[in-house]
């Protein structure tokens, strides 16, 4: 059973699915001017979200090297409630590399495997803005694991939700950024980037679940194992994010075929590479080339202090995909930098089950921060 299917099955034990209904008419596109501006918006009838207005949008953001780009995503706004409705910027976990894998595609179809996690926020009356990230649902390769691009994308979809005609969301609304796995990486980067990239948002909390906080450690841990496809996908993502990197000169025939194959795969398809090693696809140790070492290290979390609001970091010591040691080190780094950090080192068996099992407690922690309750942290 795939990671995403295991997550969906686990979530089904935590939250009950909701019924299908329709959504209102499409909003008109607005002029593109800056990061967070709407490029296009279309109201959709998203299965399960009968209690909310839902839009599929594209919006302006910023890539890893500072270039302007366009990202797709979904904005979910529960009907009624507060005029200053809180907004949760939701960073999804790994979905794959092909456009058909994008969370917006699956939310529109009603089969999004993180849908029940999203419902946990939306059914509390929070607006939820779900990014697809750069290149997932829009032209070009998905810049998978490129931290700045991920963090910018989730911050900018909160801005976009506030600017979306008909959303009714306030520029002063309380904001939380949440994510698990790849989403944890994105949420962690958003926490670090927020003070300089999007300082105007009214941040109340960041929730960072099981982030791949050190990509080299994660790559070494998974090389030759059942989840090595994630390492290959990261190679494509960083190659797409940085013009100074190039994979092709270092690929053998198997590598050219393998990378061409995975380039449009969803996560469930990555299992075809189980047991392979990076050395099976390359003519040299790419990760030890200076240009690759530098760019891989740039994606690591902990190089700067996160925003001065409560941050929750959580990770299971029994995670088989992302070793908990990367979060142990991140905790130390953020605590040294003076973060208001709460760290939960859990003992839940497995990466996907942790997302599901911990989700009610995580959602409640975030809701408390959005309500203005303090968090003391445990640095």
Protein backbone atom coordinates (compact mmCIF):
# COMPACT_ATOMS: atom_id res chain seq x y z
CA UNK A 1 0.00 0.00 0.00
CA UNK A 2 1.37 3.44 -0.96
CA UNK A 3 2.23 6.20 1.53
CA UNK A 4 -0.67 8.35 0.29
CA UNK A 5 -3.17 5.48 0.47
CA UNK A 6 -1.97 4.63 3.99
CA UNK A 7 -2.46 8.27 4.97
CA UNK A 8 -6.00 8.34 3.52
CA UNK A 9 -6.88 5.10 5.33
CA UNK A 10 -5.45 6.39 8.61
CA UNK A 11 -7.27 9.71 8.30
CA UNK A 12 -10.57 7.95 7.72
CA UNK A 13 -10.26 6.63 11.27
CA UNK A 14 -9.88 10.18 12.63
CA UNK A 15 -12.39 12.36 10.76
CA UNK A 16 -15.63 11.48 8.99
CA UNK A 17 -15.90 12.53 5.31
CA UNK A 18 -18.48 15.16 4.38
CA UNK A 19 -21.06 15.36 1.59
CA UNK A 20 -20.93 16.82 -1.92
CA UNK A 21 -22.49 20.15 -2.79
CA UNK A 22 -22.07 23.00 -5.26
CA UNK A 23 -20.16 26.30 -5.01
CA UNK A 24 -20.94 29.79 -6.35
CA UNK A 25 -20.05 31.32 -9.70
CA UNK A 26 -16.47 32.08 -10.71
CA UNK A 27 -14.71 35.25 -9.66
CA UNK A 28 -13.26 37.53 -12.32
CA UNK A 29 -9.47 37.57 -12.74
CA UNK A 30 -7.73 40.68 -11.47
CA UNK A 31 -4.70 42.53 -12.69
CA UNK A 32 -1.32 40.93 -11.93
CA UNK A 33 1.01 43.25 -10.04
CA UNK A 34 2.79 41.61 -7.11
CA UNK A 35 3.40 38.42 -5.16
CA UNK A 36 0.06 37.20 -3.81
CA UNK A 37 -2.03 38.80 -6.54
CA UNK A 38 -4.71 36.70 -8.22
CA UNK A 39 -4.04 35.67 -11.83
CA UNK A 40 -7.26 33.66 -12.27
CA UNK A 41 -10.05 32.32 -10.07
CA UNK A 42 -12.83 29.82 -10.68
CA UNK A 43 -15.49 28.81 -8.17
CA UNK A 44 -15.91 25.04 -8.02
CA UNK A 45 -18.23 22.49 -6.47
CA UNK A 46 -15.75 20.58 -4.31
CA UNK A 47 -17.01 17.25 -2.94
CA UNK A 48 -17.34 17.38 0.83
CA UNK A 49 -17.17 21.14 1.23
CA UNK A 50 -20.93 21.80 1.24
CA UNK A 51 -20.41 24.25 4.12
CA UNK A 52 -17.90 26.43 2.23
CA UNK A 53 -17.29 28.45 -0.90
CA UNK A 54 -14.36 26.98 -2.83
CA UNK A 55 -12.21 28.42 -5.60
CA UNK A 56 -9.42 27.00 -7.73
CA UNK A 57 -6.99 29.85 -8.30
CA UNK A 58 -3.67 30.78 -9.83
CA UNK A 59 -1.65 33.50 -8.16
CA UNK A 60 1.66 35.29 -8.36
CA UNK A 61 4.57 34.06 -6.20
CA UNK A 62 8.38 33.99 -6.19
CA UNK A 63 10.72 31.11 -7.07
CA UNK A 64 13.84 29.92 -5.31
CA UNK A 65 16.15 32.39 -7.03
CA UNK A 66 13.81 35.39 -6.80
CA UNK A 67 12.07 35.10 -10.16
CA UNK A 68 8.35 35.86 -10.42
CA UNK A 69 6.18 32.82 -11.12
CA UNK A 70 2.56 31.69 -11.16
CA UNK A 71 1.32 28.98 -8.77
CA UNK A 72 -2.03 27.21 -8.55
CA UNK A 73 -4.03 26.31 -5.45
CA UNK A 74 -7.39 26.12 -3.72
CA UNK A 75 -9.13 28.56 -1.39
CA UNK A 76 -11.83 27.22 0.95
CA UNK A 77 -13.94 29.73 2.89
CA UNK A 78 -16.61 28.37 5.26
CA UNK A 79 -19.91 30.20 5.00
CA UNK A 80 -20.93 32.54 7.80
CA UNK A 81 -18.92 33.02 10.96
CA UNK A 82 -16.62 35.85 11.95
CA UNK A 83 -16.05 38.87 9.73
CA UNK A 84 -12.37 38.47 10.65
CA UNK A 85 -12.25 34.76 9.86
CA UNK A 86 -8.82 33.17 10.58
CA UNK A 87 -6.86 31.87 7.59
CA UNK A 88 -4.82 28.66 7.59
CA UNK A 89 -2.14 28.51 4.91
CA UNK A 90 -1.98 24.79 4.20
CA UNK A 91 1.21 23.28 2.75
CA UNK A 92 0.52 19.77 1.41
CA UNK A 93 2.80 16.78 1.70
CA UNK A 94 4.41 15.12 -1.30
CA UNK A 95 1.94 14.49 -4.12
CA UNK A 96 4.32 13.81 -7.00
CA UNK A 97 5.71 15.65 -9.99
CA UNK A 98 2.97 15.52 -12.64
CA UNK A 99 0.32 18.23 -12.94
CA UNK A 100 -2.40 15.60 -12.48
CA UNK A 101 -1.05 15.04 -8.94
CA UNK A 102 -1.75 18.59 -7.74
CA UNK A 103 -3.87 18.93 -4.58
CA UNK A 104 -6.20 21.34 -6.41
CA UNK A 105 -6.98 18.61 -8.95
CA UNK A 106 -7.84 16.12 -6.23
CA UNK A 107 -9.80 18.56 -4.07
CA UNK A 108 -11.94 19.35 -7.12
CA UNK A 109 -12.42 15.61 -7.75
CA UNK A 110 -13.14 14.76 -4.11
CA UNK A 111 -10.29 12.26 -3.72
CA UNK A 112 -7.58 14.37 -2.08
CA UNK A 113 -5.79 12.13 0.46
CA UNK A 114 -5.14 15.10 2.78
CA UNK A 115 -8.75 16.24 2.44
CA UNK A 116 -9.71 15.09 5.91
CA UNK A 117 -6.83 17.03 7.44
CA UNK A 118 -8.03 20.12 5.60
CA UNK A 119 -11.60 19.52 6.84
CA UNK A 120 -10.34 19.60 10.43
CA UNK A 121 -9.44 23.27 9.98
CA UNK A 122 -12.34 24.26 7.73
CA UNK A 123 -15.03 22.70 9.95
CA UNK A 124 -13.79 24.95 12.78
CA UNK A 125 -14.74 27.90 10.59
CA UNK A 126 -11.22 28.73 9.41
CA UNK A 127 -10.55 29.62 5.79
CA UNK A 128 -7.98 27.24 4.32
CA UNK A 129 -5.67 28.25 1.47
CA UNK A 130 -3.99 25.18 -0.06
CA UNK A 131 -1.01 25.72 -2.35
CA UNK A 132 0.01 23.34 -5.15
CA UNK A 133 3.59 24.72 -5.12
CA UNK A 134 5.55 25.90 -8.13
CA UNK A 135 5.24 23.70 -11.24
CA UNK A 136 2.60 21.33 -9.84
CA UNK A 137 -0.56 22.20 -11.77
CA UNK A 138 1.19 24.92 -13.77
CA UNK A 139 3.73 24.75 -16.64
CA UNK A 140 7.28 23.55 -15.92
CA UNK A 141 8.76 21.00 -13.56
CA UNK A 142 7.69 21.01 -9.91
CA UNK A 143 10.53 22.52 -7.86
CA UNK A 144 10.17 19.77 -5.26
CA UNK A 145 12.12 20.38 -2.00
CA UNK A 146 13.28 23.89 -3.04
CA UNK A 147 12.65 25.53 0.32
CA UNK A 148 12.32 29.18 -0.63
CA UNK A 149 9.94 28.42 -3.49
CA UNK A 150 7.79 26.27 -1.18
CA UNK A 151 7.75 28.80 1.65
CA UNK A 152 6.94 31.68 -0.68
CA UNK A 153 4.12 29.71 -2.32
CA UNK A 154 2.32 29.03 0.96
CA UNK A 155 2.74 32.61 2.21
CA UNK A 156 1.51 33.99 -1.10
CA UNK A 157 -1.62 31.85 -1.21
CA UNK A 158 -2.65 33.44 2.10
CA UNK A 159 -2.17 36.84 0.49
CA UNK A 160 -4.10 35.62 -2.55
CA UNK A 161 -6.98 34.37 -0.39
CA UNK A 162 -7.26 37.82 1.19
CA UNK A 163 -7.31 39.47 -2.25
CA UNK A 164 -9.71 36.98 -3.86
CA UNK A 165 -12.92 38.77 -4.92
CA UNK A 166 -15.84 37.33 -2.99
CA UNK A 167 -13.78 35.61 -0.28
CA UNK A 168 -14.64 38.23 2.34
CA UNK A 169 -11.31 37.61 4.06
CA UNK A 170 -9.68 40.49 5.90
CA UNK A 171 -6.08 41.68 5.40
CA UNK A 172 -5.83 41.73 9.20
CA UNK A 173 -7.17 38.19 9.70
CA UNK A 174 -5.24 35.93 12.11
CA UNK A 175 -2.99 33.58 10.11
CA UNK A 176 -1.51 30.15 10.81
CA UNK A 177 0.76 28.20 8.45
CA UNK A 178 0.66 24.41 8.72
CA UNK A 179 2.12 21.41 6.91
CA UNK A 180 3.46 17.88 7.28
CA UNK A 181 6.33 16.13 5.44
CA UNK A 182 7.03 18.21 2.32
CA UNK A 183 4.42 20.50 3.82
CA UNK A 184 6.43 20.63 7.04
CA UNK A 185 9.46 21.71 5.02
CA UNK A 186 7.36 24.41 3.34
CA UNK A 187 5.81 25.56 6.64
CA UNK A 188 9.25 25.71 8.24
CA UNK A 189 10.59 27.78 5.38
CA UNK A 190 7.51 30.00 5.57
CA UNK A 191 8.22 30.56 9.28
CA UNK A 192 11.78 31.62 8.46
CA UNK A 193 10.83 33.79 5.48
CA UNK A 194 7.72 35.42 6.93
CA UNK A 195 9.39 38.37 8.73
CA UNK A 196 11.04 39.62 5.53
CA UNK A 197 8.97 38.17 2.67
CA UNK A 198 5.42 38.75 3.94
CA UNK A 199 5.72 40.85 7.12
CA UNK A 200 2.25 42.36 6.78
CA UNK A 201 0.38 39.13 7.60
CA UNK A 202 -1.03 38.76 11.10
CA UNK A 203 0.79 35.55 12.07
CA UNK A 204 -0.37 33.63 15.13
CA UNK A 205 1.26 30.21 14.66
CA UNK A 206 3.30 27.87 12.49
CA UNK A 207 2.91 24.09 12.65
CA UNK A 208 5.84 22.14 11.18
CA UNK A 209 5.30 18.38 10.97
CA UNK A 210 8.08 15.87 10.18
CA UNK A 211 10.04 18.18 7.86
CA UNK A 212 12.92 16.90 5.71
CA UNK A 213 14.98 19.53 7.50
CA UNK A 214 18.32 18.19 6.19
CA UNK A 215 18.04 16.87 2.65
CA UNK A 216 21.41 15.10 2.59
CA UNK A 217 20.58 13.13 5.74
CA UNK A 218 17.21 12.21 4.25
CA UNK A 219 18.78 11.20 0.92
CA UNK A 220 21.36 8.98 2.58
CA UNK A 221 18.67 7.41 4.77
CA UNK A 222 16.47 6.49 1.80
CA UNK A 223 19.10 5.56 -0.82
CA UNK A 224 18.58 1.91 -1.72
CA UNK A 225 15.36 1.67 0.29
CA UNK A 226 11.65 1.50 -0.52
CA UNK A 227 11.28 5.29 -0.76
CA UNK A 228 14.29 6.19 -2.91
CA UNK A 229 11.85 7.60 -5.49
CA UNK A 230 11.55 10.62 -3.21
CA UNK A 231 15.30 11.21 -3.60
CA UNK A 232 15.05 11.03 -7.39
CA UNK A 233 12.12 13.45 -7.30
CA UNK A 234 14.17 15.87 -5.20
CA UNK A 235 16.90 15.73 -7.83
CA UNK A 236 14.41 16.82 -10.48
CA UNK A 237 12.99 19.50 -8.18
CA UNK A 238 16.32 21.13 -7.41
CA UNK A 239 17.45 20.83 -11.04
CA UNK A 240 14.29 22.72 -12.02
CA UNK A 241 14.71 25.36 -9.30
CA UNK A 242 18.32 26.35 -9.98
CA UNK A 243 19.68 27.23 -13.45
CA UNK A 244 23.24 26.55 -12.27
CA UNK A 245 22.45 22.87 -11.62
CA UNK A 246 22.24 20.22 -14.30
CA UNK A 247 21.50 16.54 -13.85
CA UNK A 248 21.67 15.39 -17.44
CA UNK A 249 25.48 15.37 -17.88
CA UNK A 250 25.81 12.98 -14.93
CA UNK A 251 23.09 10.47 -15.90
CA UNK A 252 23.76 7.10 -17.47
CA UNK A 253 21.24 5.43 -19.80
CA UNK A 254 19.25 4.08 -16.84
CA UNK A 255 19.28 7.53 -15.28
CA UNK A 256 17.99 9.28 -18.39
CA UNK A 257 15.19 6.72 -18.68
CA UNK A 258 14.40 6.76 -14.96
CA UNK A 259 14.29 10.53 -14.58
CA UNK A 260 12.19 10.88 -17.74
CA UNK A 261 9.81 8.30 -16.28
CA UNK A 262 9.39 9.84 -12.83
CA UNK A 263 9.06 13.40 -14.13
CA UNK A 264 5.27 13.10 -14.54
CA UNK A 265 4.56 10.51 -11.83
CA UNK A 266 2.46 10.88 -8.70
CA UNK A 267 3.79 9.66 -5.35
CA UNK A 268 2.02 6.31 -5.62
CA UNK A 269 4.11 5.55 -8.72
CA UNK A 270 7.44 6.17 -7.01
CA UNK A 271 7.46 2.62 -5.61
CA UNK A 272 8.72 1.32 -8.99
CA UNK A 273 12.17 2.59 -7.96
CA UNK A 274 12.23 0.75 -4.60
CA UNK A 275 15.60 -0.78 -3.77
CA UNK A 276 17.54 1.24 -6.34
CA UNK A 277 20.43 3.55 -5.51
CA UNK A 278 21.39 6.92 -6.91
CA UNK A 279 24.58 5.26 -8.16
CA UNK A 280 22.43 3.06 -10.42
CA UNK A 281 21.39 6.15 -12.38
CA UNK A 282 24.50 8.34 -12.41
CA UNK A 283 28.07 8.34 -13.69
CA UNK A 284 29.41 10.24 -10.68
CA UNK A 285 28.45 11.02 -7.08
CA UNK A 286 26.24 14.01 -7.91
CA UNK A 287 25.50 14.97 -4.31
CA UNK A 288 29.21 15.42 -3.60
CA UNK A 289 29.77 17.76 -6.51
CA UNK A 290 30.38 21.26 -5.05
CA UNK A 291 27.50 22.96 -6.89
CA UNK A 292 25.04 20.28 -5.79
CA UNK A 293 26.33 20.15 -2.22
CA UNK A 294 25.86 23.90 -1.89
CA UNK A 295 22.32 23.93 -3.29
CA UNK A 296 21.22 20.87 -1.29
CA UNK A 297 22.50 22.47 1.91
CA UNK A 298 20.62 25.69 1.10
CA UNK A 299 17.34 23.80 1.55
CA UNK A 300 18.07 22.88 5.16
CA UNK A 301 15.94 24.44 7.86
CA UNK A 302 17.46 26.11 10.90
CA UNK A 303 19.74 28.64 9.26
CA UNK A 304 17.64 31.54 10.53
CA UNK A 305 15.15 32.25 13.31
CA UNK A 306 11.47 31.70 12.54
CA UNK A 307 8.86 34.42 13.04
CA UNK A 308 8.38 35.60 16.63
CA UNK A 309 5.13 33.70 17.17
CA UNK A 310 4.55 30.20 18.57
CA UNK A 311 5.93 27.38 16.43
CA UNK A 312 4.98 23.72 16.84
CA UNK A 313 7.52 21.17 15.58
CA UNK A 314 6.48 17.52 15.75
CA UNK A 315 7.99 14.29 14.48
CA UNK A 316 7.80 10.61 15.37
CA UNK A 317 10.93 8.81 16.50
CA UNK A 318 9.51 5.80 14.61
CA UNK A 319 9.34 7.60 11.24
CA UNK A 320 10.69 5.22 8.59
CA UNK A 321 11.06 7.83 5.81
CA UNK A 322 12.28 11.02 7.49
CA UNK A 323 14.61 10.28 10.43
CA UNK A 324 13.65 12.15 13.59
CA UNK A 325 17.25 13.29 14.07
CA UNK A 326 16.68 16.06 11.50
CA UNK A 327 13.97 17.56 13.72
CA UNK A 328 16.07 17.07 16.87
CA UNK A 329 18.78 19.18 15.22
CA UNK A 330 16.23 21.72 13.99
CA UNK A 331 14.83 22.10 17.50
CA UNK A 332 18.29 22.87 18.83
CA UNK A 333 18.95 25.40 16.08
CA UNK A 334 15.67 27.24 16.43
CA UNK A 335 15.90 27.25 20.24
CA UNK A 336 19.40 28.72 20.10
CA UNK A 337 18.00 31.43 17.82
CA UNK A 338 15.35 32.35 20.40
CA UNK A 339 12.25 30.80 18.82
CA UNK A 340 9.05 30.30 20.82
CA UNK A 341 9.13 26.58 20.02
CA UNK A 342 7.05 23.65 21.21
CA UNK A 343 8.58 20.30 20.22
CA UNK A 344 6.61 17.05 20.27
CA UNK A 345 8.87 14.00 19.81
CA UNK A 346 6.26 11.31 19.32
CA UNK A 347 6.28 7.50 19.36
CA UNK A 348 3.74 6.77 16.62
CA UNK A 349 4.77 3.94 14.27
CA UNK A 350 5.24 5.26 10.74
CA UNK A 351 5.40 8.50 8.75
CA UNK A 352 1.87 8.52 7.31
CA UNK A 353 0.11 7.25 10.47
CA UNK A 354 1.74 10.05 12.47
CA UNK A 355 0.08 12.67 10.27
CA UNK A 356 -3.32 11.13 10.93
CA UNK A 357 -2.94 10.21 14.59
CA UNK A 358 -1.42 13.52 15.65
CA UNK A 359 -3.79 15.66 13.57
CA UNK A 360 -6.52 16.32 16.19
CA UNK A 361 -3.94 17.50 18.74
CA UNK A 362 -2.11 19.57 16.12
CA UNK A 363 -5.35 21.18 14.92
CA UNK A 364 -6.33 22.04 18.49
CA UNK A 365 -2.90 23.55 19.18
CA UNK A 366 -3.22 25.73 16.07
CA UNK A 367 -6.81 26.70 16.95
CA UNK A 368 -5.72 27.79 20.43
CA UNK A 369 -3.04 30.05 18.94
CA UNK A 370 -5.53 31.54 16.44
CA UNK A 371 -7.80 32.26 19.43
CA UNK A 372 -4.99 34.23 21.06
CA UNK A 373 -4.00 31.74 23.73
CA UNK A 374 -0.27 31.82 24.57
CA UNK A 375 2.15 28.93 24.13
CA UNK A 376 5.05 28.66 26.51
CA UNK A 377 7.23 26.38 24.42
CA UNK A 378 9.68 23.79 25.70
CA UNK A 379 13.10 24.90 24.48
